[in-house]
Amino acid sequence: MGHIARQGIDSPLHLKSKSFAVAIVRMAKQNNDWHVNSLFQQILRSGTSIHANVRESEFAQTSPDFITKLTISLKEANETKGWLEVLYEADCVDNSTFNNLYSLCKELIAILVASIKTAKLNSQLK
């Protein structure tokens, strides 16, 4: 079975998910409160997993595999959005950081939803 080229390293999804992962890492590095360290570990895992699964989708072997990887990214983005809300409402993340990351996360979710819909449509047309 041949490799299916989908998203490249220059795609908006690739670039945005990578910059989001970097921003999440930077935010987590600033946490000095051991009381909420486990929460920052959770958002670090989910926030960076979005990009990891986007990268995996770039070398998917089949259309269903591609869709699955993007769907996992979408689930991770939704989880990350939830952790951002919790951390913000618990006063663990400042307003500026929250607004920036929350906006980026919502943008990633929109791109992922659109990409999954397109991939499903394209796989039905074959």
PDB file of N, CA and C in Angstrom:
ATOM      1  N   MET A   1       0.845  -1.181   0.000  1.00  0.00           N
ATOM      2  CA  MET A   1       0.000   0.000   0.000  1.00  0.00           C
ATOM      3  C   MET A   1       0.886   1.238   0.000  1.00  0.00           C
ATOM      4  N   GLY A   2       0.602   2.195  -0.826  1.00  0.00           N
ATOM      5  CA  GLY A   2       1.438   3.385  -0.944  1.00  0.00           C
ATOM      6  C   GLY A   2       1.122   4.452   0.084  1.00  0.00           C
ATOM      7  N   HIS A   3       2.059   5.322   0.258  1.00  0.00           N
ATOM      8  CA  HIS A   3       1.907   6.467   1.170  1.00  0.00           C
ATOM      9  C   HIS A   3       0.931   7.472   0.571  1.00  0.00           C
ATOM     10  N   ILE A   4       0.025   7.967   1.384  1.00  0.00           N
ATOM     11  CA  ILE A   4      -0.942   8.970   0.941  1.00  0.00           C
ATOM     12  C   ILE A   4      -0.486  10.328   1.450  1.00  0.00           C
ATOM     13  N   ALA A   5      -0.061  11.198   0.560  1.00  0.00           N
ATOM     14  CA  ALA A   5       0.383  12.539   0.967  1.00  0.00           C
ATOM     15  C   ALA A   5      -0.844  13.393   1.237  1.00  0.00           C
ATOM     16  N   ARG A   6      -0.918  13.956   2.418  1.00  0.00           N
ATOM     17  CA  ARG A   6      -2.069  14.780   2.776  1.00  0.00           C
ATOM     18  C   ARG A   6      -1.611  16.199   3.086  1.00  0.00           C
ATOM     19  N   GLN A   7      -1.276  16.419   4.319  1.00  0.00           N
ATOM     20  CA  GLN A   7      -0.849  17.737   4.786  1.00  0.00           C
ATOM     21  C   GLN A   7       0.682  17.752   4.750  1.00  0.00           C
ATOM     22  N   GLY A   8       1.261  18.829   4.309  1.00  0.00           N
ATOM     23  CA  GLY A   8       2.703  18.952   4.311  1.00  0.00           C
ATOM     24  C   GLY A   8       3.176  19.794   5.480  1.00  0.00           C
ATOM     25  N   ILE A   9       4.499  19.910   5.610  1.00  0.00           N
ATOM     26  CA  ILE A   9       5.038  20.677   6.734  1.00  0.00           C
ATOM     27  C   ILE A   9       4.781  22.169   6.584  1.00  0.00           C
ATOM     28  N   ASP A  10       4.318  22.586   5.417  1.00  0.00           N
ATOM     29  CA  ASP A  10       3.975  23.990   5.219  1.00  0.00           C
ATOM     30  C   ASP A  10       2.483  24.249   5.350  1.00  0.00           C
ATOM     31  N   SER A  11       1.704  23.212   5.647  1.00  0.00           N
ATOM     32  CA  SER A  11       0.260  23.393   5.744  1.00  0.00           C
ATOM     33  C   SER A  11      -0.085  24.235   6.970  1.00  0.00           C
ATOM     34  N   PRO A  12      -1.152  24.994   6.895  1.00  0.00           N
ATOM     35  CA  PRO A  12      -1.565  25.786   8.062  1.00  0.00           C
ATOM     36  C   PRO A  12      -1.782  24.921   9.309  1.00  0.00           C
ATOM     37  N   LEU A  13      -2.338  23.735   9.130  1.00  0.00           N
ATOM     38  CA  LEU A  13      -2.570  22.853  10.286  1.00  0.00           C
ATOM     39  C   LEU A  13      -1.258  22.435  10.931  1.00  0.00           C
ATOM     40  N   HIS A  14      -0.294  22.068  10.121  1.00  0.00           N
ATOM     41  CA  HIS A  14       1.019  21.682  10.645  1.00  0.00           C
ATOM     42  C   HIS A  14       1.663  22.852  11.402  1.00  0.00           C
ATOM     43  N   LEU A  15       1.707  24.005  10.766  1.00  0.00           N
ATOM     44  CA  LEU A  15       2.371  25.166  11.363  1.00  0.00           C
ATOM     45  C   LEU A  15       1.663  25.644  12.629  1.00  0.00           C
ATOM     46  N   LYS A  16       0.335  25.705  12.590  1.00  0.00           N
ATOM     47  CA  LYS A  16      -0.421  26.192  13.753  1.00  0.00           C
ATOM     48  C   LYS A  16      -0.362  25.200  14.914  1.00  0.00           C
ATOM     49  N   SER A  17      -0.422  23.913  14.619  1.00  0.00           N
ATOM     50  CA  SER A  17      -0.364  22.932  15.701  1.00  0.00           C
ATOM     51  C   SER A  17       1.021  22.915  16.345  1.00  0.00           C
ATOM     52  N   LYS A  18       2.051  23.143  15.544  1.00  0.00           N
ATOM     53  CA  LYS A  18       3.404  23.190  16.088  1.00  0.00           C
ATOM     54  C   LYS A  18       3.595  24.432  16.955  1.00  0.00           C
ATOM     55  N   SER A  19       3.171  25.589  16.466  1.00  0.00           N
ATOM     56  CA  SER A  19       3.348  26.803  17.262  1.00  0.00           C
ATOM     57  C   SER A  19       2.499  26.746  18.535  1.00  0.00           C
ATOM     58  N   PHE A  20       1.336  26.098  18.465  1.00  0.00           N
ATOM     59  CA  PHE A  20       0.508  25.931  19.649  1.00  0.00           C
ATOM     60  C   PHE A  20       1.211  25.035  20.661  1.00  0.00           C
ATOM     61  N   ALA A  21       1.801  23.942  20.200  1.00  0.00           N
ATOM     62  CA  ALA A  21       2.530  23.033  21.096  1.00  0.00           C
ATOM     63  C   ALA A  21       3.675  23.772  21.798  1.00  0.00           C
ATOM     64  N   VAL A  22       4.400  24.588  21.053  1.00  0.00           N
ATOM     65  CA  VAL A  22       5.501  25.368  21.636  1.00  0.00           C
ATOM     66  C   VAL A  22       4.958  26.330  22.689  1.00  0.00           C
ATOM     67  N   ALA A  23       3.843  26.984  22.397  1.00  0.00           N
ATOM     68  CA  ALA A  23       3.246  27.923  23.359  1.00  0.00           C
ATOM     69  C   ALA A  23       2.785  27.206  24.627  1.00  0.00           C
ATOM     70  N   ILE A  24       2.252  26.003  24.479  1.00  0.00           N
ATOM     71  CA  ILE A  24       1.830  25.216  25.645  1.00  0.00           C
ATOM     72  C   ILE A  24       3.042  24.837  26.488  1.00  0.00           C
ATOM     73  N   VAL A  25       4.125  24.431  25.841  1.00  0.00           N
ATOM     74  CA  VAL A  25       5.350  24.080  26.576  1.00  0.00           C
ATOM     75  C   VAL A  25       5.860  25.299  27.340  1.00  0.00           C
ATOM     76  N   ARG A  26       5.877  26.441  26.681  1.00  0.00           N
ATOM     77  CA  ARG A  26       6.346  27.674  27.341  1.00  0.00           C
ATOM     78  C   ARG A  26       5.472  28.029  28.541  1.00  0.00           C
ATOM     79  N   MET A  27       4.160  27.882  28.390  1.00  0.00           N
ATOM     80  CA  MET A  27       3.259  28.165  29.505  1.00  0.00           C
ATOM     81  C   MET A  27       3.527  27.211  30.662  1.00  0.00           C
ATOM     82  N   ALA A  28       3.655  25.936  30.369  1.00  0.00           N
ATOM     83  CA  ALA A  28       3.878  24.935  31.422  1.00  0.00           C
ATOM     84  C   ALA A  28       5.208  25.162  32.138  1.00  0.00           C
ATOM     85  N   LYS A  29       6.218  25.612  31.393  1.00  0.00           N
ATOM     86  CA  LYS A  29       7.529  25.874  32.003  1.00  0.00           C
ATOM     87  C   LYS A  29       7.455  26.992  33.036  1.00  0.00           C
ATOM     88  N   GLN A  30       6.501  27.893  32.898  1.00  0.00           N
ATOM     89  CA  GLN A  30       6.377  29.023  33.818  1.00  0.00           C
ATOM     90  C   GLN A  30       5.674  28.656  35.118  1.00  0.00           C
ATOM     91  N   ASN A  31       5.083  27.468  35.166  1.00  0.00           N
ATOM     92  CA  ASN A  31       4.375  27.043  36.376  1.00  0.00           C
ATOM     93  C   ASN A  31       5.367  26.740  37.493  1.00  0.00           C
ATOM     94  N   ASN A  32       5.210  27.420  38.616  1.00  0.00           N
ATOM     95  CA  ASN A  32       6.064  27.190  39.780  1.00  0.00           C
ATOM     96  C   ASN A  32       5.268  26.694  40.985  1.00  0.00           C
ATOM     97  N   ASP A  33       3.993  26.407  40.789  1.00  0.00           N
ATOM     98  CA  ASP A  33       3.135  26.017  41.898  1.00  0.00           C
ATOM     99  C   ASP A  33       2.942  24.499  41.895  1.00  0.00           C
ATOM    100  N   TRP A  34       3.568  23.825  42.844  1.00  0.00           N
ATOM    101  CA  TRP A  34       3.491  22.368  42.880  1.00  0.00           C
ATOM    102  C   TRP A  34       2.066  21.880  43.113  1.00  0.00           C
ATOM    103  N   HIS A  35       1.200  22.717  43.638  1.00  0.00           N
ATOM    104  CA  HIS A  35      -0.188  22.327  43.889  1.00  0.00           C
ATOM    105  C   HIS A  35      -0.933  21.979  42.598  1.00  0.00           C
ATOM    106  N   VAL A  36      -0.565  22.632  41.523  1.00  0.00           N
ATOM    107  CA  VAL A  36      -1.271  22.415  40.257  1.00  0.00           C
ATOM    108  C   VAL A  36      -0.361  21.809  39.190  1.00  0.00           C
ATOM    109  N   ASN A  37       0.767  21.285  39.605  1.00  0.00           N
ATOM    110  CA  ASN A  37       1.713  20.707  38.652  1.00  0.00           C
ATOM    111  C   ASN A  37       1.074  19.601  37.810  1.00  0.00           C
ATOM    112  N   SER A  38       0.244  18.766  38.427  1.00  0.00           N
ATOM    113  CA  SER A  38      -0.374  17.672  37.665  1.00  0.00           C
ATOM    114  C   SER A  38      -1.317  18.203  36.586  1.00  0.00           C
ATOM    115  N   LEU A  39      -1.958  19.341  36.848  1.00  0.00           N
ATOM    116  CA  LEU A  39      -2.830  19.932  35.828  1.00  0.00           C
ATOM    117  C   LEU A  39      -2.014  20.447  34.648  1.00  0.00           C
ATOM    118  N   PHE A  40      -0.878  21.057  34.949  1.00  0.00           N
ATOM    119  CA  PHE A  40      -0.014  21.534  33.873  1.00  0.00           C
ATOM    120  C   PHE A  40       0.585  20.365  33.092  1.00  0.00           C
ATOM    121  N   GLN A  41       0.831  19.235  33.770  1.00  0.00           N
ATOM    122  CA  GLN A  41       1.307  18.042  33.065  1.00  0.00           C
ATOM    123  C   GLN A  41       0.237  17.528  32.102  1.00  0.00           C
ATOM    124  N   GLN A  42      -1.029  17.592  32.544  1.00  0.00           N
ATOM    125  CA  GLN A  42      -2.133  17.151  31.685  1.00  0.00           C
ATOM    126  C   GLN A  42      -2.242  18.015  30.428  1.00  0.00           C
ATOM    127  N   ILE A  43      -2.208  19.336  30.606  1.00  0.00           N
ATOM    128  CA  ILE A  43      -2.345  20.224  29.445  1.00  0.00           C
ATOM    129  C   ILE A  43      -1.105  20.133  28.557  1.00  0.00           C
ATOM    130  N   LEU A  44       0.029  19.858  29.155  1.00  0.00           N
ATOM    131  CA  LEU A  44       1.252  19.674  28.372  1.00  0.00           C
ATOM    132  C   LEU A  44       1.113  18.444  27.475  1.00  0.00           C
ATOM    133  N   ARG A  45       0.569  17.369  28.028  1.00  0.00           N
ATOM    134  CA  ARG A  45       0.380  16.148  27.229  1.00  0.00           C
ATOM    135  C   ARG A  45      -0.647  16.358  26.116  1.00  0.00           C
ATOM    136  N   SER A  46      -1.813  16.896  26.475  1.00  0.00           N
ATOM    137  CA  SER A  46      -2.860  17.040  25.458  1.00  0.00           C
ATOM    138  C   SER A  46      -2.506  18.113  24.426  1.00  0.00           C
ATOM    139  N   GLY A  47      -1.926  19.217  24.882  1.00  0.00           N
ATOM    140  CA  GLY A  47      -1.597  20.313  23.972  1.00  0.00           C
ATOM    141  C   GLY A  47      -0.509  19.983  22.967  1.00  0.00           C
ATOM    142  N   THR A  48       0.451  19.157  23.369  1.00  0.00           N
ATOM    143  CA  THR A  48       1.506  18.760  22.433  1.00  0.00           C
ATOM    144  C   THR A  48       1.091  17.554  21.592  1.00  0.00           C
ATOM    145  N   SER A  49       0.146  16.783  22.094  1.00  0.00           N
ATOM    146  CA  SER A  49      -0.345  15.624  21.350  1.00  0.00           C
ATOM    147  C   SER A  49      -1.079  16.034  20.079  1.00  0.00           C
ATOM    148  N   ILE A  50      -1.661  17.223  20.087  1.00  0.00           N
ATOM    149  CA  ILE A  50      -2.352  17.708  18.888  1.00  0.00           C
ATOM    150  C   ILE A  50      -1.376  17.693  17.710  1.00  0.00           C
ATOM    151  N   HIS A  51      -0.220  18.309  17.917  1.00  0.00           N
ATOM    152  CA  HIS A  51       0.776  18.382  16.842  1.00  0.00           C
ATOM    153  C   HIS A  51       1.352  17.002  16.517  1.00  0.00           C
ATOM    154  N   ALA A  52       1.582  16.197  17.534  1.00  0.00           N
ATOM    155  CA  ALA A  52       2.139  14.856  17.292  1.00  0.00           C
ATOM    156  C   ALA A  52       1.227  14.047  16.371  1.00  0.00           C
ATOM    157  N   ASN A  53      -0.065  14.124  16.596  1.00  0.00           N
ATOM    158  CA  ASN A  53      -0.998  13.376  15.750  1.00  0.00           C
ATOM    159  C   ASN A  53      -1.162  13.994  14.365  1.00  0.00           C
ATOM    160  N   VAL A  54      -1.050  15.317  14.282  1.00  0.00           N
ATOM    161  CA  VAL A  54      -1.044  15.959  12.958  1.00  0.00           C
ATOM    162  C   VAL A  54       0.162  15.448  12.173  1.00  0.00           C
ATOM    163  N   ARG A  55       1.322  15.377  12.824  1.00  0.00           N
ATOM    164  CA  ARG A  55       2.530  14.856  12.156  1.00  0.00           C
ATOM    165  C   ARG A  55       2.328  13.413  11.706  1.00  0.00           C
ATOM    166  N   GLU A  56       1.728  12.604  12.571  1.00  0.00           N
ATOM    167  CA  GLU A  56       1.478  11.214  12.190  1.00  0.00           C
ATOM    168  C   GLU A  56       0.538  11.132  10.995  1.00  0.00           C
ATOM    169  N   SER A  57      -0.447  12.016  10.938  1.00  0.00           N
ATOM    170  CA  SER A  57      -1.409  11.989   9.823  1.00  0.00           C
ATOM    171  C   SER A  57      -0.733  12.282   8.486  1.00  0.00           C
ATOM    172  N   GLU A  58       0.368  13.018   8.526  1.00  0.00           N
ATOM    173  CA  GLU A  58       1.061  13.391   7.294  1.00  0.00           C
ATOM    174  C   GLU A  58       1.650  12.183   6.572  1.00  0.00           C
ATOM    175  N   PHE A  59       1.822  11.088   7.300  1.00  0.00           N
ATOM    176  CA  PHE A  59       2.348   9.863   6.692  1.00  0.00           C
ATOM    177  C   PHE A  59       1.385   8.697   6.844  1.00  0.00           C
ATOM    178  N   ALA A  60       0.095   9.021   6.888  1.00  0.00           N
ATOM    179  CA  ALA A  60      -0.921   7.983   6.981  1.00  0.00           C
ATOM    180  C   ALA A  60      -0.865   7.085   5.743  1.00  0.00           C
ATOM    181  N   GLN A  61      -1.102   5.807   5.958  1.00  0.00           N
ATOM    182  CA  GLN A  61      -1.063   4.847   4.857  1.00  0.00           C
ATOM    183  C   GLN A  61      -2.379   4.769   4.102  1.00  0.00           C
ATOM    184  N   THR A  62      -3.470   5.102   4.791  1.00  0.00           N
ATOM    185  CA  THR A  62      -4.793   5.014   4.183  1.00  0.00           C
ATOM    186  C   THR A  62      -5.619   6.229   4.582  1.00  0.00           C
ATOM    187  N   SER A  63      -6.701   6.452   3.873  1.00  0.00           N
ATOM    188  CA  SER A  63      -7.619   7.541   4.230  1.00  0.00           C
ATOM    189  C   SER A  63      -8.208   7.353   5.628  1.00  0.00           C
ATOM    190  N   PRO A  64      -8.652   6.139   5.986  1.00  0.00           N
ATOM    191  CA  PRO A  64      -9.164   5.968   7.351  1.00  0.00           C
ATOM    192  C   PRO A  64      -8.106   6.249   8.426  1.00  0.00           C
ATOM    193  N   ASP A  65      -6.870   5.894   8.162  1.00  0.00           N
ATOM    194  CA  ASP A  65      -5.786   6.168   9.109  1.00  0.00           C
ATOM    195  C   ASP A  65      -5.580   7.677   9.250  1.00  0.00           C
ATOM    196  N   PHE A  66      -5.608   8.379   8.137  1.00  0.00           N
ATOM    197  CA  PHE A  66      -5.476   9.838   8.138  1.00  0.00           C
ATOM    198  C   PHE A  66      -6.589  10.479   8.965  1.00  0.00           C
ATOM    199  N   ILE A  67      -7.818  10.046   8.713  1.00  0.00           N
ATOM    200  CA  ILE A  67      -8.975  10.585   9.428  1.00  0.00           C
ATOM    201  C   ILE A  67      -8.876  10.279  10.920  1.00  0.00           C
ATOM    202  N   THR A  68      -8.433   9.080  11.255  1.00  0.00           N
ATOM    203  CA  THR A  68      -8.289   8.695  12.667  1.00  0.00           C
ATOM    204  C   THR A  68      -7.281   9.581  13.374  1.00  0.00           C
ATOM    205  N   LYS A  69      -6.144   9.839  12.758  1.00  0.00           N
ATOM    206  CA  LYS A  69      -5.118  10.688  13.385  1.00  0.00           C
ATOM    207  C   LYS A  69      -5.629  12.107  13.592  1.00  0.00           C
ATOM    208  N   LEU A  70      -6.335  12.644  12.620  1.00  0.00           N
ATOM    209  CA  LEU A  70      -6.890  13.991  12.777  1.00  0.00           C
ATOM    210  C   LEU A  70      -7.992  14.010  13.830  1.00  0.00           C
ATOM    211  N   THR A  71      -8.758  12.943  13.922  1.00  0.00           N
ATOM    212  CA  THR A  71      -9.804  12.856  14.937  1.00  0.00           C
ATOM    213  C   THR A  71      -9.192  12.807  16.337  1.00  0.00           C
ATOM    214  N   ILE A  72      -8.095  12.093  16.481  1.00  0.00           N
ATOM    215  CA  ILE A  72      -7.390  12.068  17.769  1.00  0.00           C
ATOM    216  C   ILE A  72      -6.886  13.473  18.094  1.00  0.00           C
ATOM    217  N   SER A  73      -6.342  14.162  17.107  1.00  0.00           N
ATOM    218  CA  SER A  73      -5.896  15.545  17.309  1.00  0.00           C
ATOM    219  C   SER A  73      -7.048  16.424  17.769  1.00  0.00           C
ATOM    220  N   LEU A  74      -8.207  16.243  17.166  1.00  0.00           N
ATOM    221  CA  LEU A  74      -9.385  17.018  17.534  1.00  0.00           C
ATOM    222  C   LEU A  74      -9.783  16.759  18.985  1.00  0.00           C
ATOM    223  N   LYS A  75      -9.777  15.495  19.385  1.00  0.00           N
ATOM    224  CA  LYS A  75     -10.105  15.146  20.771  1.00  0.00           C
ATOM    225  C   LYS A  75      -9.106  15.768  21.741  1.00  0.00           C
ATOM    226  N   GLU A  76      -7.831  15.734  21.382  1.00  0.00           N
ATOM    227  CA  GLU A  76      -6.794  16.323  22.232  1.00  0.00           C
ATOM    228  C   GLU A  76      -6.951  17.837  22.318  1.00  0.00           C
ATOM    229  N   ALA A  77      -7.347  18.457  21.214  1.00  0.00           N
ATOM    230  CA  ALA A  77      -7.568  19.906  21.211  1.00  0.00           C
ATOM    231  C   ALA A  77      -8.736  20.270  22.121  1.00  0.00           C
ATOM    232  N   ASN A  78      -9.793  19.478  22.070  1.00  0.00           N
ATOM    233  CA  ASN A  78     -10.942  19.729  22.934  1.00  0.00           C
ATOM    234  C   ASN A  78     -10.554  19.556  24.407  1.00  0.00           C
ATOM    235  N   GLU A  79      -9.770  18.533  24.704  1.00  0.00           N
ATOM    236  CA  GLU A  79      -9.292  18.340  26.078  1.00  0.00           C
ATOM    237  C   GLU A  79      -8.445  19.528  26.520  1.00  0.00           C
ATOM    238  N   THR A  80      -7.567  19.972  25.657  1.00  0.00           N
ATOM    239  CA  THR A  80      -6.694  21.103  25.968  1.00  0.00           C
ATOM    240  C   THR A  80      -7.521  22.355  26.238  1.00  0.00           C
ATOM    241  N   LYS A  81      -8.537  22.569  25.437  1.00  0.00           N
ATOM    242  CA  LYS A  81      -9.430  23.714  25.634  1.00  0.00           C
ATOM    243  C   LYS A  81     -10.055  23.646  27.028  1.00  0.00           C
ATOM    244  N   GLY A  82     -10.463  22.474  27.434  1.00  0.00           N
ATOM    245  CA  GLY A  82     -11.039  22.295  28.765  1.00  0.00           C
ATOM    246  C   GLY A  82     -10.044  22.582  29.878  1.00  0.00           C
ATOM    247  N   TRP A  83      -8.802  22.105  29.735  1.00  0.00           N
ATOM    248  CA  TRP A  83      -7.766  22.376  30.744  1.00  0.00           C
ATOM    249  C   TRP A  83      -7.451  23.859  30.811  1.00  0.00           C
ATOM    250  N   LEU A  84      -7.436  24.525  29.663  1.00  0.00           N
ATOM    251  CA  LEU A  84      -7.213  25.974  29.667  1.00  0.00           C
ATOM    252  C   LEU A  84      -8.286  26.689  30.479  1.00  0.00           C
ATOM    253  N   GLU A  85      -9.530  26.282  30.279  1.00  0.00           N
ATOM    254  CA  GLU A  85     -10.635  26.890  31.031  1.00  0.00           C
ATOM    255  C   GLU A  85     -10.459  26.677  32.532  1.00  0.00           C
ATOM    256  N   VAL A  86     -10.124  25.453  32.928  1.00  0.00           N
ATOM    257  CA  VAL A  86      -9.944  25.141  34.347  1.00  0.00           C
ATOM    258  C   VAL A  86      -8.796  25.950  34.938  1.00  0.00           C
ATOM    259  N   LEU A  87      -7.665  25.968  34.262  1.00  0.00           N
ATOM    260  CA  LEU A  87      -6.499  26.694  34.772  1.00  0.00           C
ATOM    261  C   LEU A  87      -6.765  28.192  34.866  1.00  0.00           C
ATOM    262  N   TYR A  88      -7.492  28.717  33.896  1.00  0.00           N
ATOM    263  CA  TYR A  88      -7.819  30.142  33.920  1.00  0.00           C
ATOM    264  C   TYR A  88      -8.784  30.457  35.066  1.00  0.00           C
ATOM    265  N   GLU A  89      -9.831  29.674  35.181  1.00  0.00           N
ATOM    266  CA  GLU A  89     -10.826  29.926  36.224  1.00  0.00           C
ATOM    267  C   GLU A  89     -10.272  29.702  37.631  1.00  0.00           C
ATOM    268  N   ALA A  90      -9.203  28.913  37.733  1.00  0.00           N
ATOM    269  CA  ALA A  90      -8.543  28.690  39.024  1.00  0.00           C
ATOM    270  C   ALA A  90      -7.407  29.687  39.257  1.00  0.00           C
ATOM    271  N   ASP A  91      -7.314  30.700  38.406  1.00  0.00           N
ATOM    272  CA  ASP A  91      -6.284  31.745  38.509  1.00  0.00           C
ATOM    273  C   ASP A  91      -4.854  31.213  38.415  1.00  0.00           C
ATOM    274  N   CYS A  92      -4.668  30.201  37.584  1.00  0.00           N
ATOM    275  CA  CYS A  92      -3.335  29.623  37.379  1.00  0.00           C
ATOM    276  C   CYS A  92      -2.687  30.121  36.082  1.00  0.00           C
ATOM    277  N   VAL A  93      -3.497  30.751  35.244  1.00  0.00           N
ATOM    278  CA  VAL A  93      -3.026  31.281  33.962  1.00  0.00           C
ATOM    279  C   VAL A  93      -3.553  32.710  33.856  1.00  0.00           C
ATOM    280  N   ASP A  94      -2.683  33.624  33.448  1.00  0.00           N
ATOM    281  CA  ASP A  94      -3.118  35.016  33.349  1.00  0.00           C
ATOM    282  C   ASP A  94      -4.029  35.224  32.139  1.00  0.00           C
ATOM    283  N   ASN A  95      -4.720  36.335  32.152  1.00  0.00           N
ATOM    284  CA  ASN A  95      -5.721  36.664  31.144  1.00  0.00           C
ATOM    285  C   ASN A  95      -5.142  36.664  29.726  1.00  0.00           C
ATOM    286  N   SER A  96      -4.000  37.276  29.553  1.00  0.00           N
ATOM    287  CA  SER A  96      -3.380  37.375  28.233  1.00  0.00           C
ATOM    288  C   SER A  96      -3.003  36.000  27.685  1.00  0.00           C
ATOM    289  N   THR A  97      -2.372  35.188  28.523  1.00  0.00           N
ATOM    290  CA  THR A  97      -1.976  33.836  28.107  1.00  0.00           C
ATOM    291  C   THR A  97      -3.209  33.016  27.756  1.00  0.00           C
ATOM    292  N   PHE A  98      -4.210  33.077  28.627  1.00  0.00           N
ATOM    293  CA  PHE A  98      -5.438  32.333  28.369  1.00  0.00           C
ATOM    294  C   PHE A  98      -6.072  32.755  27.053  1.00  0.00           C
ATOM    295  N   ASN A  99      -6.273  34.047  26.856  1.00  0.00           N
ATOM    296  CA  ASN A  99      -6.939  34.527  25.639  1.00  0.00           C
ATOM    297  C   ASN A  99      -6.187  34.105  24.384  1.00  0.00           C
ATOM    298  N   ASN A 100      -4.870  34.210  24.413  1.00  0.00           N
ATOM    299  CA  ASN A 100      -4.060  33.822  23.264  1.00  0.00           C
ATOM    300  C   ASN A 100      -4.181  32.327  22.983  1.00  0.00           C
ATOM    301  N   LEU A 101      -3.956  31.503  24.010  1.00  0.00           N
ATOM    302  CA  LEU A 101      -3.986  30.053  23.811  1.00  0.00           C
ATOM    303  C   LEU A 101      -5.389  29.548  23.497  1.00  0.00           C
ATOM    304  N   TYR A 102      -6.386  30.124  24.146  1.00  0.00           N
ATOM    305  CA  TYR A 102      -7.767  29.703  23.912  1.00  0.00           C
ATOM    306  C   TYR A 102      -8.179  30.004  22.471  1.00  0.00           C
ATOM    307  N   SER A 103      -7.807  31.171  21.994  1.00  0.00           N
ATOM    308  CA  SER A 103      -8.108  31.549  20.621  1.00  0.00           C
ATOM    309  C   SER A 103      -7.412  30.617  19.628  1.00  0.00           C
ATOM    310  N   LEU A 104      -6.142  30.332  19.868  1.00  0.00           N
ATOM    311  CA  LEU A 104      -5.396  29.421  19.000  1.00  0.00           C
ATOM    312  C   LEU A 104      -6.000  28.019  19.021  1.00  0.00           C
ATOM    313  N   CYS A 105      -6.406  27.579  20.198  1.00  0.00           N
ATOM    314  CA  CYS A 105      -6.994  26.245  20.327  1.00  0.00           C
ATOM    315  C   CYS A 105      -8.317  26.156  19.557  1.00  0.00           C
ATOM    316  N   LYS A 106      -9.150  27.180  19.674  1.00  0.00           N
ATOM    317  CA  LYS A 106     -10.409  27.191  18.930  1.00  0.00           C
ATOM    318  C   LYS A 106     -10.151  27.204  17.423  1.00  0.00           C
ATOM    319  N   GLU A 107      -9.122  27.915  17.003  1.00  0.00           N
ATOM    320  CA  GLU A 107      -8.761  27.951  15.587  1.00  0.00           C
ATOM    321  C   GLU A 107      -8.309  26.568  15.112  1.00  0.00           C
ATOM    322  N   LEU A 108      -7.505  25.895  15.921  1.00  0.00           N
ATOM    323  CA  LEU A 108      -7.066  24.539  15.577  1.00  0.00           C
ATOM    324  C   LEU A 108      -8.256  23.591  15.472  1.00  0.00           C
ATOM    325  N   ILE A 109      -9.190  23.715  16.402  1.00  0.00           N
ATOM    326  CA  ILE A 109     -10.377  22.866  16.370  1.00  0.00           C
ATOM    327  C   ILE A 109     -11.147  23.089  15.074  1.00  0.00           C
ATOM    328  N   ALA A 110     -11.311  24.334  14.670  1.00  0.00           N
ATOM    329  CA  ALA A 110     -12.030  24.642  13.426  1.00  0.00           C
ATOM    330  C   ALA A 110     -11.317  24.050  12.214  1.00  0.00           C
ATOM    331  N   ILE A 111      -9.996  24.172  12.171  1.00  0.00           N
ATOM    332  CA  ILE A 111      -9.221  23.617  11.047  1.00  0.00           C
ATOM    333  C   ILE A 111      -9.326  22.097  11.028  1.00  0.00           C
ATOM    334  N   LEU A 112      -9.232  21.487  12.200  1.00  0.00           N
ATOM    335  CA  LEU A 112      -9.323  20.025  12.278  1.00  0.00           C
ATOM    336  C   LEU A 112     -10.697  19.531  11.845  1.00  0.00           C
ATOM    337  N   VAL A 113     -11.751  20.189  12.307  1.00  0.00           N
ATOM    338  CA  VAL A 113     -13.110  19.793  11.903  1.00  0.00           C
ATOM    339  C   VAL A 113     -13.248  19.891  10.386  1.00  0.00           C
ATOM    340  N   ALA A 114     -12.795  20.984   9.811  1.00  0.00           N
ATOM    341  CA  ALA A 114     -12.885  21.160   8.359  1.00  0.00           C
ATOM    342  C   ALA A 114     -12.047  20.113   7.618  1.00  0.00           C
ATOM    343  N   SER A 115     -10.858  19.835   8.110  1.00  0.00           N
ATOM    344  CA  SER A 115      -9.986  18.841   7.468  1.00  0.00           C
ATOM    345  C   SER A 115     -10.588  17.445   7.525  1.00  0.00           C
ATOM    346  N   ILE A 116     -11.175  17.102   8.660  1.00  0.00           N
ATOM    347  CA  ILE A 116     -11.803  15.783   8.801  1.00  0.00           C
ATOM    348  C   ILE A 116     -13.000  15.671   7.862  1.00  0.00           C
ATOM    349  N   LYS A 117     -13.832  16.705   7.800  1.00  0.00           N
ATOM    350  CA  LYS A 117     -14.992  16.692   6.892  1.00  0.00           C
ATOM    351  C   LYS A 117     -14.546  16.530   5.445  1.00  0.00           C
ATOM    352  N   THR A 118     -13.521  17.272   5.060  1.00  0.00           N
ATOM    353  CA  THR A 118     -13.001  17.189   3.687  1.00  0.00           C
ATOM    354  C   THR A 118     -12.448  15.804   3.398  1.00  0.00           C
ATOM    355  N   ALA A 119     -11.680  15.259   4.338  1.00  0.00           N
ATOM    356  CA  ALA A 119     -11.095  13.925   4.141  1.00  0.00           C
ATOM    357  C   ALA A 119     -12.174  12.865   4.028  1.00  0.00           C
ATOM    358  N   LYS A 120     -13.221  12.966   4.838  1.00  0.00           N
ATOM    359  CA  LYS A 120     -14.324  12.000   4.762  1.00  0.00           C
ATOM    360  C   LYS A 120     -15.045  12.109   3.426  1.00  0.00           C
ATOM    361  N   LEU A 121     -15.273  13.337   2.989  1.00  0.00           N
ATOM    362  CA  LEU A 121     -15.938  13.562   1.707  1.00  0.00           C
ATOM    363  C   LEU A 121     -15.092  12.994   0.567  1.00  0.00           C
ATOM    364  N   ASN A 122     -13.794  13.286   0.599  1.00  0.00           N
ATOM    365  CA  ASN A 122     -12.896  12.796  -0.451  1.00  0.00           C
ATOM    366  C   ASN A 122     -12.810  11.286  -0.464  1.00  0.00           C
ATOM    367  N   SER A 123     -12.852  10.647   0.706  1.00  0.00           N
ATOM    368  CA  SER A 123     -12.766   9.185   0.736  1.00  0.00           C
ATOM    369  C   SER A 123     -14.061   8.547   0.224  1.00  0.00           C
ATOM    370  N   GLN A 124     -15.189   9.252   0.347  1.00  0.00           N
ATOM    371  CA  GLN A 124     -16.465   8.742  -0.170  1.00  0.00           C
ATOM    372  C   GLN A 124     -16.542   8.886  -1.679  1.00  0.00           C
ATOM    373  N   LEU A 125     -15.824   9.849  -2.229  1.00  0.00           N
ATOM    374  CA  LEU A 125     -15.877  10.093  -3.672  1.00  0.00           C
ATOM    375  C   LEU A 125     -15.045   9.097  -4.467  1.00  0.00           C
ATOM    376  N   LYS A 126     -14.179   8.383  -3.792  1.00  0.00           N
ATOM    377  CA  LYS A 126     -13.290   7.440  -4.509  1.00  0.00           C
ATOM    378  C   LYS A 126     -14.015   6.172  -4.900  1.00  0.00           C
TER     379      LYS A 126
END
